[in-house]
Protein backbone atom coordinates (compact mmCIF):
# COMPACT_ATOMS: atom_id res chain seq x y z
CA MET A 1 101.61 122.01 111.46
CA VAL A 2 103.00 121.06 108.08
CA TRP A 3 100.59 120.84 105.16
CA LEU A 4 101.04 117.52 103.33
CA ASN A 5 98.93 117.09 100.20
CA GLY A 6 96.39 119.58 101.54
CA GLU A 7 96.10 118.13 105.04
CA PRO A 8 97.69 119.49 108.24
CA LYS A 9 100.10 117.01 109.84
CA PRO A 10 102.36 117.33 112.91
CA LEU A 11 105.62 116.73 111.02
CA GLU A 12 107.77 119.60 112.29
CA GLY A 13 111.28 118.48 113.16
CA LYS A 14 111.30 115.51 110.80
CA SER A 15 113.28 115.62 107.58
CA LEU A 16 111.39 115.61 104.31
CA LYS A 17 113.15 112.43 103.19
CA GLU A 18 112.29 110.75 106.50
CA VAL A 19 108.60 111.60 106.07
CA LEU A 20 108.52 110.35 102.49
CA LYS A 21 110.22 107.10 103.53
CA GLU A 22 107.69 106.61 106.37
CA LEU A 23 104.88 107.08 103.84
CA GLY A 24 106.40 104.41 101.58
CA VAL A 25 106.91 106.87 98.72
CA GLU A 26 109.09 105.56 95.88
CA LEU A 27 111.19 108.64 95.18
CA GLU A 28 111.91 107.58 91.59
CA ARG A 29 108.17 107.73 90.81
CA VAL A 30 107.23 111.13 92.23
CA ALA A 31 107.90 114.82 92.10
CA VAL A 32 107.78 116.84 95.29
CA LEU A 33 106.85 120.46 95.76
CA LEU A 34 108.20 122.06 98.91
CA ASN A 35 106.77 125.52 99.44
CA GLU A 36 106.09 125.74 95.67
CA GLU A 37 109.65 124.73 94.70
CA ALA A 38 109.61 121.55 92.59
CA PHE A 39 112.08 118.68 92.92
CA PRO A 40 112.32 115.32 91.14
CA GLY A 41 111.81 112.72 93.86
CA ALA A 42 115.40 111.50 93.72
CA GLU A 43 116.63 115.08 94.31
CA VAL A 44 114.42 115.96 97.29
CA PRO A 45 116.42 118.05 99.75
CA ASP A 46 117.09 116.42 103.10
CA ARG A 47 115.84 119.41 105.06
CA VAL A 48 113.98 119.49 108.35
CA LEU A 49 110.33 120.51 108.01
CA ARG A 50 109.20 123.64 109.83
CA GLU A 51 105.87 125.05 110.96
CA GLY A 52 103.86 126.23 107.95
CA ASP A 53 105.77 124.28 105.29
CA VAL A 54 103.64 123.07 102.40
CA VAL A 55 104.54 119.73 100.80
CA GLU A 56 102.81 118.22 97.78
CA VAL A 57 103.77 114.77 96.50
CA VAL A 58 102.78 114.18 92.90
CA ALA A 59 102.89 110.75 91.24
CA LEU A 60 104.49 110.75 87.81
CA MET A 61 102.33 109.13 85.16
CA GLN A 62 103.40 107.80 81.80
CA GLY A 63 101.00 107.68 78.94
CA GLY A 64 100.24 108.78 75.50
């Protein structure tokens, strides 16, 4: 299982970009943590997810 935003999902073998696209994530509006390494959404590595990976997708908010 891959942990996606705190929930186990059977995503092994899919690329991270593929999963985000399937979820309808707008990469320009998020940051992604992959096993505690942070990436701006547009720079998410196109790597295949493996058993035990932890992915967190965080929406970027603008405010003041």
